[in-house]
Amino acid sequence: MSEQEISDITIIGGGPVGLFAAFYAGLRGMNVKIIESLSELGGQPAMLYPEKMIYDIPVLPAISGADLTESLLKQLDRFKDSITICLKEEVLHFEKSDDIFKIETSKGQHLGQAIIIACGNGAFAPRTLGLDQEEFYADKNLFYNVHKLEQFADKKVVICGGGDSALDWALHLETIAQSVTLIHRREAFRAHEHSVELLEQSSIKVLTPYLPLELKGDGQQVTGLMIQKAKSDEVLELDLDALIVSFGFSTSNKNLKNWGIDYKRSSINVSPVFQTSQTGIYAIGDAAAYDGKIDLIATGFGEAPIAVNQAINYIYPDCDNRAVHSTSLIKE
């Protein structure tokens, strides 16, 4: 690879902390690459609670997970020419050769001079239906989370799931969508009792206990879902405009053991300046472990500039790398 293809800083993880770290690295003039295992940026706030309010972000009295992600991406857009984003890539392992890290992912190889790990508790992925063609239709009109309720206006929506999120989306969409059908594999729901009571009082069509059997599509979008009643031969086909799969998300740090750094369970041991056991690799946010650590987004936001500045000092030890206020770095 040519020198231009070697990133100054590679950030593993595109959640809030990773996005802010990328912004701050851009502010310091670094060439940055973000590697994210999901199909979009934003991490847990974007995936698990996009419509729910967050109250512990500095300066903001309250902000939804979706709006927080949108604001971070808008902030990051200032340095779009120096930041590369790689989605749906899982980091398998990395090694150092001639002061350059070779980072192997599920899609190929990346080169970087320093690494900042901001992957939370591991690679984050939705639990799927496990049906043929599911990956093809994902992010077309098959969704694993809801970003904006308005995108389902006047549509026939089918939701699979029985937990709090599934019922929340169904109840929110009741007055927006043309129709809402909720499918669960068990008779009883796992959601909060109050949500179940509201569901019973709603116009939402509930089908239990049914299991997803087959996706029907036109080559562009899902047009229907075949479901089968549990312990029965009864099969139904549901027409739909949008399918929401709300089975939750799983995290996995199965590759952490291949990264050559000290860790405990799903967290990485770091020094007071967030360096891992390997020089040139740093960890922040929920991925980092140290005495007194509090796993909050706000904590990760504070850790990011320290790790970035340490990475810059590592990459360019002979330069004047003193951090200065942003007012001195940006001239409108």
C-alpha atoms as a PDB file:
ATOM      1  CA  MET A   1       0.000   0.000   0.000  1.00  0.00           C
ATOM      2  CA  SER A   2       1.079   3.571  -0.610  1.00  0.00           C
ATOM      3  CA  GLU A   3       1.770   6.051   2.176  1.00  0.00           C
ATOM      4  CA  GLN A   4      -1.557   7.801   1.481  1.00  0.00           C
ATOM      5  CA  GLU A   5      -3.415   4.622   2.351  1.00  0.00           C
ATOM      6  CA  ILE A   6      -1.899   4.368   5.805  1.00  0.00           C
ATOM      7  CA  SER A   7      -4.150   6.024   8.364  1.00  0.00           C
ATOM      8  CA  ASP A   8      -2.641   8.010  11.196  1.00  0.00           C
ATOM      9  CA  ILE A   9      -5.233   6.674  13.629  1.00  0.00           C
ATOM     10  CA  THR A  10      -7.544   3.705  13.152  1.00  0.00           C
ATOM     11  CA  ILE A  11     -10.567   3.672  15.452  1.00  0.00           C
ATOM     12  CA  ILE A  12     -12.246   0.338  16.100  1.00  0.00           C
ATOM     13  CA  GLY A  13     -15.886   1.055  16.857  1.00  0.00           C
ATOM     14  CA  GLY A  14     -18.310   3.650  15.511  1.00  0.00           C
ATOM     15  CA  GLY A  15     -20.445   4.325  18.595  1.00  0.00           C
ATOM     16  CA  PRO A  16     -20.662   7.759  20.274  1.00  0.00           C
ATOM     17  CA  VAL A  17     -17.207   7.548  21.857  1.00  0.00           C
ATOM     18  CA  GLY A  18     -15.565   6.327  18.652  1.00  0.00           C
ATOM     19  CA  LEU A  19     -17.251   9.092  16.643  1.00  0.00           C
ATOM     20  CA  PHE A  20     -16.132  11.796  19.046  1.00  0.00           C
ATOM     21  CA  ALA A  21     -12.594  10.378  19.072  1.00  0.00           C
ATOM     22  CA  ALA A  22     -12.595  10.543  15.256  1.00  0.00           C
ATOM     23  CA  PHE A  23     -13.783  14.153  15.379  1.00  0.00           C
ATOM     24  CA  TYR A  24     -11.122  15.164  17.866  1.00  0.00           C
ATOM     25  CA  ALA A  25      -8.438  13.389  15.826  1.00  0.00           C
ATOM     26  CA  GLY A  26      -9.661  15.327  12.788  1.00  0.00           C
ATOM     27  CA  LEU A  27      -9.484  18.503  14.829  1.00  0.00           C
ATOM     28  CA  ARG A  28      -5.827  17.692  15.501  1.00  0.00           C
ATOM     29  CA  GLY A  29      -5.201  17.236  11.771  1.00  0.00           C
ATOM     30  CA  MET A  30      -5.042  13.451  11.734  1.00  0.00           C
ATOM     31  CA  ASN A  31      -6.058  11.118   8.920  1.00  0.00           C
ATOM     32  CA  VAL A  32      -8.572   8.749  10.500  1.00  0.00           C
ATOM     33  CA  LYS A  33     -10.249   5.452   9.652  1.00  0.00           C
ATOM     34  CA  ILE A  34     -13.269   4.102  11.561  1.00  0.00           C
ATOM     35  CA  ILE A  35     -13.970   0.365  11.393  1.00  0.00           C
ATOM     36  CA  GLU A  36     -17.481  -0.576  12.534  1.00  0.00           C
ATOM     37  CA  SER A  37     -19.048  -4.051  12.658  1.00  0.00           C
ATOM     38  CA  LEU A  38     -22.601  -2.799  12.083  1.00  0.00           C
ATOM     39  CA  SER A  39     -24.118  -1.471   8.859  1.00  0.00           C
ATOM     40  CA  GLU A  40     -24.362   2.045  10.301  1.00  0.00           C
ATOM     41  CA  LEU A  41     -22.713   4.287  12.854  1.00  0.00           C
ATOM     42  CA  GLY A  42     -24.026   5.253  16.270  1.00  0.00           C
ATOM     43  CA  GLY A  43     -23.607   2.144  18.417  1.00  0.00           C
ATOM     44  CA  GLN A  44     -26.089   1.247  21.127  1.00  0.00           C
ATOM     45  CA  PRO A  45     -27.916   4.618  21.347  1.00  0.00           C
ATOM     46  CA  ALA A  46     -28.673   4.457  17.624  1.00  0.00           C
ATOM     47  CA  MET A  47     -29.590   0.778  17.635  1.00  0.00           C
ATOM     48  CA  LEU A  48     -31.231   0.092  20.976  1.00  0.00           C
ATOM     49  CA  TYR A  49     -32.904   3.339  21.995  1.00  0.00           C
ATOM     50  CA  PRO A  50     -32.950   5.841  19.113  1.00  0.00           C
ATOM     51  CA  GLU A  51     -36.226   7.412  20.266  1.00  0.00           C
ATOM     52  CA  LYS A  52     -35.471   7.319  24.001  1.00  0.00           C
ATOM     53  CA  MET A  53     -34.028  10.281  25.838  1.00  0.00           C
ATOM     54  CA  ILE A  54     -30.515  10.481  27.283  1.00  0.00           C
ATOM     55  CA  TYR A  55     -30.018  12.938  30.139  1.00  0.00           C
ATOM     56  CA  ASP A  56     -26.332  12.739  31.074  1.00  0.00           C
ATOM     57  CA  ILE A  57     -24.665  14.297  28.025  1.00  0.00           C
ATOM     58  CA  PRO A  58     -22.873  17.537  29.011  1.00  0.00           C
ATOM     59  CA  VAL A  59     -24.563  20.787  27.886  1.00  0.00           C
ATOM     60  CA  LEU A  60     -27.635  18.970  26.526  1.00  0.00           C
ATOM     61  CA  PRO A  61     -30.548  18.775  29.003  1.00  0.00           C
ATOM     62  CA  ALA A  62     -31.971  15.843  27.039  1.00  0.00           C
ATOM     63  CA  ILE A  63     -31.361  14.234  23.658  1.00  0.00           C
ATOM     64  CA  SER A  64     -32.603  11.082  21.953  1.00  0.00           C
ATOM     65  CA  GLY A  65     -30.260   8.340  20.857  1.00  0.00           C
ATOM     66  CA  ALA A  66     -31.023   9.109  17.206  1.00  0.00           C
ATOM     67  CA  ASP A  67     -30.436  12.842  17.617  1.00  0.00           C
ATOM     68  CA  LEU A  68     -27.204  12.226  19.519  1.00  0.00           C
ATOM     69  CA  THR A  69     -25.957  10.111  16.623  1.00  0.00           C
ATOM     70  CA  GLU A  70     -27.091  12.701  14.082  1.00  0.00           C
ATOM     71  CA  SER A  71     -25.289  15.473  15.972  1.00  0.00           C
ATOM     72  CA  LEU A  72     -22.071  13.462  16.245  1.00  0.00           C
ATOM     73  CA  LEU A  73     -22.152  12.715  12.514  1.00  0.00           C
ATOM     74  CA  LYS A  74     -22.792  16.386  11.736  1.00  0.00           C
ATOM     75  CA  GLN A  75     -19.830  17.295  13.915  1.00  0.00           C
ATOM     76  CA  LEU A  76     -17.710  14.674  12.153  1.00  0.00           C
ATOM     77  CA  ASP A  77     -18.726  15.966   8.727  1.00  0.00           C
ATOM     78  CA  ARG A  78     -16.356  18.924   9.188  1.00  0.00           C
ATOM     79  CA  PHE A  79     -13.462  16.526   8.545  1.00  0.00           C
ATOM     80  CA  LYS A  80     -15.115  14.243   5.981  1.00  0.00           C
ATOM     81  CA  ASP A  81     -12.160  14.559   3.596  1.00  0.00           C
ATOM     82  CA  SER A  82      -9.739  13.092   6.144  1.00  0.00           C
ATOM     83  CA  ILE A  83     -11.978  10.421   7.676  1.00  0.00           C
ATOM     84  CA  THR A  84     -12.713   7.045   6.083  1.00  0.00           C
ATOM     85  CA  ILE A  85     -15.614   4.939   7.352  1.00  0.00           C
ATOM     86  CA  CYS A  86     -15.686   1.155   6.907  1.00  0.00           C
ATOM     87  CA  LEU A  87     -18.994  -0.501   7.832  1.00  0.00           C
ATOM     88  CA  LYS A  88     -19.939  -4.147   8.369  1.00  0.00           C
ATOM     89  CA  GLU A  89     -16.329  -5.087   9.093  1.00  0.00           C
ATOM     90  CA  GLU A  90     -15.292  -7.055  12.142  1.00  0.00           C
ATOM     91  CA  VAL A  91     -11.682  -6.750  13.299  1.00  0.00           C
ATOM     92  CA  LEU A  92     -10.175 -10.229  13.562  1.00  0.00           C
ATOM     93  CA  HIS A  93      -6.616  -9.473  14.624  1.00  0.00           C
ATOM     94  CA  PHE A  94      -3.747  -7.065  14.062  1.00  0.00           C
ATOM     95  CA  GLU A  95       0.028  -7.141  14.166  1.00  0.00           C
ATOM     96  CA  LYS A  96       2.796  -4.581  14.019  1.00  0.00           C
ATOM     97  CA  SER A  97       5.457  -4.532  11.325  1.00  0.00           C
ATOM     98  CA  ASP A  98       7.945  -1.690  10.746  1.00  0.00           C
ATOM     99  CA  ASP A  99       5.916   0.609  13.035  1.00  0.00           C
ATOM    100  CA  ILE A 100       2.745   0.032  11.000  1.00  0.00           C
ATOM    101  CA  PHE A 101      -0.230  -1.960  12.268  1.00  0.00           C
ATOM    102  CA  LYS A 102      -1.711  -4.445   9.831  1.00  0.00           C
ATOM    103  CA  ILE A 103      -5.362  -4.805  10.797  1.00  0.00           C
ATOM    104  CA  GLU A 104      -7.136  -7.867   9.432  1.00  0.00           C
ATOM    105  CA  THR A 105     -10.929  -7.660   9.231  1.00  0.00           C
ATOM    106  CA  SER A 106     -13.725  -9.815   7.919  1.00  0.00           C
ATOM    107  CA  LYS A 107     -13.393  -7.925   4.621  1.00  0.00           C
ATOM    108  CA  GLY A 108      -9.662  -7.443   4.201  1.00  0.00           C
ATOM    109  CA  GLN A 109      -6.693  -5.520   5.542  1.00  0.00           C
ATOM    110  CA  HIS A 110      -6.120  -1.947   6.743  1.00  0.00           C
ATOM    111  CA  LEU A 111      -2.918  -0.167   7.668  1.00  0.00           C
ATOM    112  CA  GLY A 112      -2.536   2.352  10.485  1.00  0.00           C
ATOM    113  CA  GLN A 113       0.114   3.982  12.621  1.00  0.00           C
ATOM    114  CA  ALA A 114      -1.903   3.898  15.855  1.00  0.00           C
ATOM    115  CA  ILE A 115      -5.104   2.218  17.018  1.00  0.00           C
ATOM    116  CA  ILE A 116      -7.811   3.439  19.374  1.00  0.00           C
ATOM    117  CA  ILE A 117     -10.268   0.754  20.466  1.00  0.00           C
ATOM    118  CA  ALA A 118     -13.752   2.119  21.168  1.00  0.00           C
ATOM    119  CA  CYS A 119     -15.831  -0.983  20.555  1.00  0.00           C
ATOM    120  CA  GLY A 120     -17.708  -1.012  23.853  1.00  0.00           C
ATOM    121  CA  ASN A 121     -18.298  -4.562  25.042  1.00  0.00           C
ATOM    122  CA  GLY A 122     -17.466  -6.023  21.655  1.00  0.00           C
ATOM    123  CA  ALA A 123     -18.753  -6.376  18.127  1.00  0.00           C
ATOM    124  CA  PHE A 124     -22.410  -5.421  18.189  1.00  0.00           C
ATOM    125  CA  ALA A 125     -24.873  -7.300  15.987  1.00  0.00           C
ATOM    126  CA  PRO A 126     -28.637  -7.759  15.770  1.00  0.00           C
ATOM    127  CA  ARG A 127     -30.215 -11.136  16.452  1.00  0.00           C
ATOM    128  CA  THR A 128     -31.726 -12.151  13.152  1.00  0.00           C
ATOM    129  CA  LEU A 129     -34.635 -14.241  11.910  1.00  0.00           C
ATOM    130  CA  GLY A 130     -32.217 -16.764  10.455  1.00  0.00           C
ATOM    131  CA  LEU A 131     -34.117 -16.945   7.164  1.00  0.00           C
ATOM    132  CA  ASP A 132     -32.873 -17.122   3.576  1.00  0.00           C
ATOM    133  CA  GLN A 133     -32.439 -13.727   1.847  1.00  0.00           C
ATOM    134  CA  GLU A 134     -32.582 -11.882   5.158  1.00  0.00           C
ATOM    135  CA  GLU A 135     -29.197 -10.216   4.730  1.00  0.00           C
ATOM    136  CA  PHE A 136     -30.157  -9.117   1.205  1.00  0.00           C
ATOM    137  CA  TYR A 137     -33.283  -7.299   2.434  1.00  0.00           C
ATOM    138  CA  ALA A 138     -31.693  -5.857   5.574  1.00  0.00           C
ATOM    139  CA  ASP A 139     -31.715  -2.050   5.575  1.00  0.00           C
ATOM    140  CA  LYS A 140     -34.073  -1.976   2.582  1.00  0.00           C
ATOM    141  CA  ASN A 141     -37.416  -2.498   4.265  1.00  0.00           C
ATOM    142  CA  LEU A 142     -36.289  -5.058   6.829  1.00  0.00           C
ATOM    143  CA  PHE A 143     -35.099  -3.293   9.973  1.00  0.00           C
ATOM    144  CA  TYR A 144     -33.564  -4.335  13.278  1.00  0.00           C
ATOM    145  CA  ASN A 145     -34.259  -1.010  14.959  1.00  0.00           C
ATOM    146  CA  VAL A 146     -36.354   2.096  14.401  1.00  0.00           C
ATOM    147  CA  HIS A 147     -34.637   5.426  13.772  1.00  0.00           C
ATOM    148  CA  LYS A 148     -37.563   7.607  12.778  1.00  0.00           C
ATOM    149  CA  LEU A 149     -41.163   6.614  13.343  1.00  0.00           C
ATOM    150  CA  GLU A 150     -42.245   8.759  10.401  1.00  0.00           C
ATOM    151  CA  GLN A 151     -40.612   6.404   7.900  1.00  0.00           C
ATOM    152  CA  PHE A 152     -43.420   3.912   8.627  1.00  0.00           C
ATOM    153  CA  ALA A 153     -46.273   6.347   8.058  1.00  0.00           C
ATOM    154  CA  ASP A 154     -49.277   4.778   6.294  1.00  0.00           C
ATOM    155  CA  LYS A 155     -47.472   1.454   5.874  1.00  0.00           C
ATOM    156  CA  LYS A 156     -48.404  -2.104   6.756  1.00  0.00           C
ATOM    157  CA  VAL A 157     -45.840  -2.933   9.423  1.00  0.00           C
ATOM    158  CA  VAL A 158     -45.071  -6.381  10.813  1.00  0.00           C
ATOM    159  CA  ILE A 159     -42.971  -6.631  13.986  1.00  0.00           C
ATOM    160  CA  CYS A 160     -41.335  -9.819  15.257  1.00  0.00           C
ATOM    161  CA  GLY A 161     -40.483  -9.920  18.951  1.00  0.00           C
ATOM    162  CA  GLY A 162     -41.887 -10.077  22.443  1.00  0.00           C
ATOM    163  CA  GLY A 163     -39.700  -7.828  24.571  1.00  0.00           C
ATOM    164  CA  ASP A 164     -39.957  -4.203  25.657  1.00  0.00           C
ATOM    165  CA  SER A 165     -38.561  -2.788  22.413  1.00  0.00           C
ATOM    166  CA  ALA A 166     -40.939  -4.792  20.212  1.00  0.00           C
ATOM    167  CA  LEU A 167     -43.977  -3.635  22.189  1.00  0.00           C
ATOM    168  CA  ASP A 168     -42.710  -0.057  22.404  1.00  0.00           C
ATOM    169  CA  TRP A 169     -42.328   0.170  18.620  1.00  0.00           C
ATOM    170  CA  ALA A 170     -45.702  -1.445  18.041  1.00  0.00           C
ATOM    171  CA  LEU A 171     -47.461   0.995  20.385  1.00  0.00           C
ATOM    172  CA  HIS A 172     -45.639   4.020  18.969  1.00  0.00           C
ATOM    173  CA  LEU A 173     -46.463   3.000  15.393  1.00  0.00           C
ATOM    174  CA  GLU A 174     -50.125   2.259  16.047  1.00  0.00           C
ATOM    175  CA  THR A 175     -51.217   5.824  15.272  1.00  0.00           C
ATOM    176  CA  ILE A 176     -48.725   6.332  12.440  1.00  0.00           C
ATOM    177  CA  ALA A 177     -48.789   3.151  10.352  1.00  0.00           C
ATOM    178  CA  GLN A 178     -51.690   1.900   8.247  1.00  0.00           C
ATOM    179  CA  SER A 179     -51.613  -1.299  10.315  1.00  0.00           C
ATOM    180  CA  VAL A 180     -49.338  -2.988  12.849  1.00  0.00           C
ATOM    181  CA  THR A 181     -49.056  -6.740  13.362  1.00  0.00           C
ATOM    182  CA  LEU A 182     -46.996  -8.129  16.224  1.00  0.00           C
ATOM    183  CA  ILE A 183     -45.688 -11.700  16.082  1.00  0.00           C
ATOM    184  CA  HIS A 184     -44.215 -13.548  19.050  1.00  0.00           C
ATOM    185  CA  ARG A 185     -43.129 -17.158  19.373  1.00  0.00           C
ATOM    186  CA  ARG A 186     -44.674 -17.539  22.832  1.00  0.00           C
ATOM    187  CA  GLU A 187     -48.130 -16.879  24.236  1.00  0.00           C
ATOM    188  CA  ALA A 188     -46.766 -14.575  26.960  1.00  0.00           C
ATOM    189  CA  PHE A 189     -44.700 -11.447  26.347  1.00  0.00           C
ATOM    190  CA  ARG A 190     -41.466 -10.609  28.133  1.00  0.00           C
ATOM    191  CA  ALA A 191     -42.213  -6.878  28.132  1.00  0.00           C
ATOM    192  CA  HIS A 192     -43.208  -4.738  31.110  1.00  0.00           C
ATOM    193  CA  GLU A 193     -46.718  -5.427  32.390  1.00  0.00           C
ATOM    194  CA  HIS A 194     -47.908  -1.900  31.632  1.00  0.00           C
ATOM    195  CA  SER A 195     -46.824  -2.247  28.001  1.00  0.00           C
ATOM    196  CA  VAL A 196     -48.688  -5.541  27.735  1.00  0.00           C
ATOM    197  CA  GLU A 197     -51.817  -3.882  29.132  1.00  0.00           C
ATOM    198  CA  LEU A 198     -51.560  -1.088  26.563  1.00  0.00           C
ATOM    199  CA  LEU A 199     -51.073  -3.667  23.824  1.00  0.00           C
ATOM    200  CA  GLU A 200     -54.238  -5.495  24.857  1.00  0.00           C
ATOM    201  CA  GLN A 201     -56.176  -2.216  24.678  1.00  0.00           C
ATOM    202  CA  SER A 202     -54.762  -1.265  21.268  1.00  0.00           C
ATOM    203  CA  SER A 203     -55.796  -2.000  17.690  1.00  0.00           C
ATOM    204  CA  ILE A 204     -52.541  -3.880  17.048  1.00  0.00           C
ATOM    205  CA  LYS A 205     -53.041  -7.357  15.616  1.00  0.00           C
ATOM    206  CA  VAL A 206     -51.255  -9.875  17.820  1.00  0.00           C
ATOM    207  CA  LEU A 207     -50.305 -13.342  16.564  1.00  0.00           C
ATOM    208  CA  THR A 208     -48.977 -15.809  19.154  1.00  0.00           C
ATOM    209  CA  PRO A 209     -47.393 -18.299  19.301  1.00  0.00           C
ATOM    210  CA  TYR A 210     -46.040 -18.049  15.751  1.00  0.00           C
ATOM    211  CA  LEU A 211     -42.560 -18.531  14.291  1.00  0.00           C
ATOM    212  CA  PRO A 212     -41.112 -16.794  11.189  1.00  0.00           C
ATOM    213  CA  LEU A 213     -40.881 -19.354   8.394  1.00  0.00           C
ATOM    214  CA  GLU A 214     -40.029 -17.668   5.094  1.00  0.00           C
ATOM    215  CA  LEU A 215     -39.481 -14.235   3.581  1.00  0.00           C
ATOM    216  CA  LYS A 216     -41.325 -13.301   0.413  1.00  0.00           C
ATOM    217  CA  GLY A 217     -39.859 -10.597  -1.793  1.00  0.00           C
ATOM    218  CA  ASP A 218     -39.798  -9.024  -5.243  1.00  0.00           C
ATOM    219  CA  GLY A 219     -36.011  -8.903  -5.541  1.00  0.00           C
ATOM    220  CA  GLN A 220     -35.923  -5.369  -4.160  1.00  0.00           C
ATOM    221  CA  GLN A 221     -37.901  -5.466  -0.924  1.00  0.00           C
ATOM    222  CA  VAL A 222     -39.676  -7.864   1.396  1.00  0.00           C
ATOM    223  CA  THR A 223     -43.341  -8.084   0.404  1.00  0.00           C
ATOM    224  CA  GLY A 224     -44.531 -10.768   2.811  1.00  0.00           C
ATOM    225  CA  LEU A 225     -43.668 -13.036   5.699  1.00  0.00           C
ATOM    226  CA  MET A 226     -44.715 -16.663   6.069  1.00  0.00           C
ATOM    227  CA  ILE A 227     -45.263 -17.663   9.706  1.00  0.00           C
ATOM    228  CA  GLN A 228     -46.102 -21.017  11.287  1.00  0.00           C
ATOM    229  CA  LYS A 229     -48.006 -21.613  14.492  1.00  0.00           C
ATOM    230  CA  ALA A 230     -45.876 -23.323  17.125  1.00  0.00           C
ATOM    231  CA  LYS A 231     -46.379 -27.101  17.359  1.00  0.00           C
ATOM    232  CA  SER A 232     -48.786 -26.956  14.439  1.00  0.00           C
ATOM    233  CA  ASP A 233     -48.905 -27.208  10.651  1.00  0.00           C
ATOM    234  CA  GLU A 234     -50.886 -23.984  10.410  1.00  0.00           C
ATOM    235  CA  VAL A 235     -49.147 -21.463   8.123  1.00  0.00           C
ATOM    236  CA  LEU A 236     -50.092 -17.847   7.426  1.00  0.00           C
ATOM    237  CA  GLU A 237     -48.727 -15.346   4.892  1.00  0.00           C
ATOM    238  CA  LEU A 238     -48.704 -11.710   5.937  1.00  0.00           C
ATOM    239  CA  ASP A 239     -48.503  -8.896   3.392  1.00  0.00           C
ATOM    240  CA  LEU A 240     -46.291  -6.046   4.515  1.00  0.00           C
ATOM    241  CA  ASP A 241     -44.564  -2.826   3.538  1.00  0.00           C
ATOM    242  CA  ALA A 242     -41.992  -2.963   6.335  1.00  0.00           C
ATOM    243  CA  LEU A 243     -40.686  -5.697   8.616  1.00  0.00           C
ATOM    244  CA  ILE A 244     -39.103  -4.917  11.993  1.00  0.00           C
ATOM    245  CA  VAL A 245     -37.143  -7.689  13.700  1.00  0.00           C
ATOM    246  CA  SER A 246     -36.877  -6.847  17.401  1.00  0.00           C
ATOM    247  CA  PHE A 247     -35.022  -9.804  18.865  1.00  0.00           C
ATOM    248  CA  GLY A 248     -32.407  -7.616  20.510  1.00  0.00           C
ATOM    249  CA  PHE A 249     -28.684  -7.304  19.893  1.00  0.00           C
ATOM    250  CA  SER A 250     -25.725  -9.377  20.980  1.00  0.00           C
ATOM    251  CA  THR A 251     -22.182  -8.319  21.732  1.00  0.00           C
ATOM    252  CA  SER A 252     -19.148 -10.479  21.328  1.00  0.00           C
ATOM    253  CA  ASN A 253     -15.483  -9.960  22.069  1.00  0.00           C
ATOM    254  CA  LYS A 254     -14.526 -13.378  20.749  1.00  0.00           C
ATOM    255  CA  ASN A 255     -11.689 -11.855  18.703  1.00  0.00           C
ATOM    256  CA  LEU A 256     -10.211  -9.973  21.658  1.00  0.00           C
ATOM    257  CA  LYS A 257      -7.985 -12.918  22.512  1.00  0.00           C
ATOM    258  CA  ASN A 258      -6.340 -12.540  19.093  1.00  0.00           C
ATOM    259  CA  TRP A 259      -5.484  -8.857  19.515  1.00  0.00           C
ATOM    260  CA  GLY A 260      -2.343  -9.389  21.583  1.00  0.00           C
ATOM    261  CA  ILE A 261      -3.314  -7.056  24.443  1.00  0.00           C
ATOM    262  CA  ASP A 262      -4.108  -7.608  28.121  1.00  0.00           C
ATOM    263  CA  TYR A 263      -7.793  -7.871  28.890  1.00  0.00           C
ATOM    264  CA  LYS A 264     -10.173  -9.168  31.513  1.00  0.00           C
ATOM    265  CA  ARG A 265     -13.520 -10.579  30.461  1.00  0.00           C
ATOM    266  CA  SER A 266     -14.752  -8.124  27.814  1.00  0.00           C
ATOM    267  CA  SER A 267     -12.702  -5.071  28.842  1.00  0.00           C
ATOM    268  CA  ILE A 268      -9.158  -4.015  28.034  1.00  0.00           C
ATOM    269  CA  ASN A 269      -6.717  -3.009  30.756  1.00  0.00           C
ATOM    270  CA  VAL A 270      -5.337   0.489  30.191  1.00  0.00           C
ATOM    271  CA  SER A 271      -2.882   2.893  31.808  1.00  0.00           C
ATOM    272  CA  PRO A 272      -3.860   6.349  33.133  1.00  0.00           C
ATOM    273  CA  VAL A 273      -3.350   7.675  29.569  1.00  0.00           C
ATOM    274  CA  PHE A 274      -5.449   4.844  28.079  1.00  0.00           C
ATOM    275  CA  GLN A 275      -2.586   2.930  26.537  1.00  0.00           C
ATOM    276  CA  THR A 276      -3.040  -0.831  26.402  1.00  0.00           C
ATOM    277  CA  SER A 277      -0.294  -3.357  27.052  1.00  0.00           C
ATOM    278  CA  GLN A 278       0.881  -2.837  23.477  1.00  0.00           C
ATOM    279  CA  THR A 279       2.544   0.449  22.550  1.00  0.00           C
ATOM    280  CA  GLY A 280       0.571   2.433  19.989  1.00  0.00           C
ATOM    281  CA  ILE A 281      -2.777   0.885  20.909  1.00  0.00           C
ATOM    282  CA  TYR A 282      -5.247   2.693  23.156  1.00  0.00           C
ATOM    283  CA  ALA A 283      -8.700   1.850  24.499  1.00  0.00           C
ATOM    284  CA  ILE A 284     -11.514   4.179  25.598  1.00  0.00           C
ATOM    285  CA  GLY A 285     -15.184   4.071  26.521  1.00  0.00           C
ATOM    286  CA  ASP A 286     -16.742   0.849  27.739  1.00  0.00           C
ATOM    287  CA  ALA A 287     -13.867  -1.083  26.132  1.00  0.00           C
ATOM    288  CA  ALA A 288     -11.385   0.337  28.668  1.00  0.00           C
ATOM    289  CA  ALA A 289     -10.962  -0.941  32.214  1.00  0.00           C
ATOM    290  CA  TYR A 290      -9.211   0.821  35.101  1.00  0.00           C
ATOM    291  CA  ASP A 291      -9.810   1.436  38.809  1.00  0.00           C
ATOM    292  CA  GLY A 292     -12.794   3.688  39.393  1.00  0.00           C
ATOM    293  CA  LYS A 293     -14.088   3.430  35.833  1.00  0.00           C
ATOM    294  CA  ILE A 294     -17.714   4.482  35.278  1.00  0.00           C
ATOM    295  CA  ASP A 295     -19.300   3.188  32.078  1.00  0.00           C
ATOM    296  CA  LEU A 296     -21.043   6.313  30.825  1.00  0.00           C
ATOM    297  CA  ILE A 297     -20.992   7.995  27.418  1.00  0.00           C
ATOM    298  CA  ALA A 298     -19.850  11.180  29.140  1.00  0.00           C
ATOM    299  CA  THR A 299     -16.851   9.347  30.605  1.00  0.00           C
ATOM    300  CA  GLY A 300     -15.867   8.058  27.170  1.00  0.00           C
ATOM    301  CA  PHE A 301     -16.161  11.534  25.673  1.00  0.00           C
ATOM    302  CA  GLY A 302     -13.604  12.748  28.216  1.00  0.00           C
ATOM    303  CA  GLU A 303     -11.260   9.830  27.575  1.00  0.00           C
ATOM    304  CA  ALA A 304     -11.212  10.331  23.792  1.00  0.00           C
ATOM    305  CA  PRO A 305      -9.061  13.508  23.590  1.00  0.00           C
ATOM    306  CA  ILE A 306      -6.506  12.038  26.002  1.00  0.00           C
ATOM    307  CA  ALA A 307      -6.129   8.865  23.924  1.00  0.00           C
ATOM    308  CA  VAL A 308      -5.966  10.840  20.671  1.00  0.00           C
ATOM    309  CA  ASN A 309      -3.272  13.153  22.011  1.00  0.00           C
ATOM    310  CA  GLN A 310      -1.280  10.179  23.292  1.00  0.00           C
ATOM    311  CA  ALA A 311      -1.582   8.529  19.873  1.00  0.00           C
ATOM    312  CA  ILE A 312      -0.322  11.683  18.170  1.00  0.00           C
ATOM    313  CA  ASN A 313       2.626  11.868  20.536  1.00  0.00           C
ATOM    314  CA  TYR A 314       3.377   8.235  19.741  1.00  0.00           C
ATOM    315  CA  ILE A 315       3.163   8.712  15.959  1.00  0.00           C
ATOM    316  CA  TYR A 316       5.045  12.023  15.828  1.00  0.00           C
ATOM    317  CA  PRO A 317       7.308  12.109  18.918  1.00  0.00           C
ATOM    318  CA  ASP A 318       9.614  14.792  17.508  1.00  0.00           C
ATOM    319  CA  CYS A 319       6.873  17.315  16.735  1.00  0.00           C
ATOM    320  CA  ASP A 320       5.360  19.957  18.963  1.00  0.00           C
ATOM    321  CA  ASN A 321       2.215  18.052  19.887  1.00  0.00           C
ATOM    322  CA  ARG A 322       0.850  20.257  22.629  1.00  0.00           C
ATOM    323  CA  ALA A 323      -2.938  20.250  22.661  1.00  0.00           C
ATOM    324  CA  VAL A 324      -4.573  23.650  22.221  1.00  0.00           C
ATOM    325  CA  HIS A 325      -8.133  24.900  22.513  1.00  0.00           C
ATOM    326  CA  SER A 326     -10.451  24.263  19.574  1.00  0.00           C
ATOM    327  CA  THR A 327     -10.961  28.010  19.135  1.00  0.00           C
ATOM    328  CA  SER A 328      -7.352  28.176  17.998  1.00  0.00           C
ATOM    329  CA  LEU A 329      -7.674  25.196  15.641  1.00  0.00           C
ATOM    330  CA  ILE A 330     -10.801  26.162  13.688  1.00  0.00           C
ATOM    331  CA  LYS A 331     -11.162  29.393  11.788  1.00  0.00           C
ATOM    332  CA  GLU A 332     -14.656  29.914  10.380  1.00  0.00           C
END
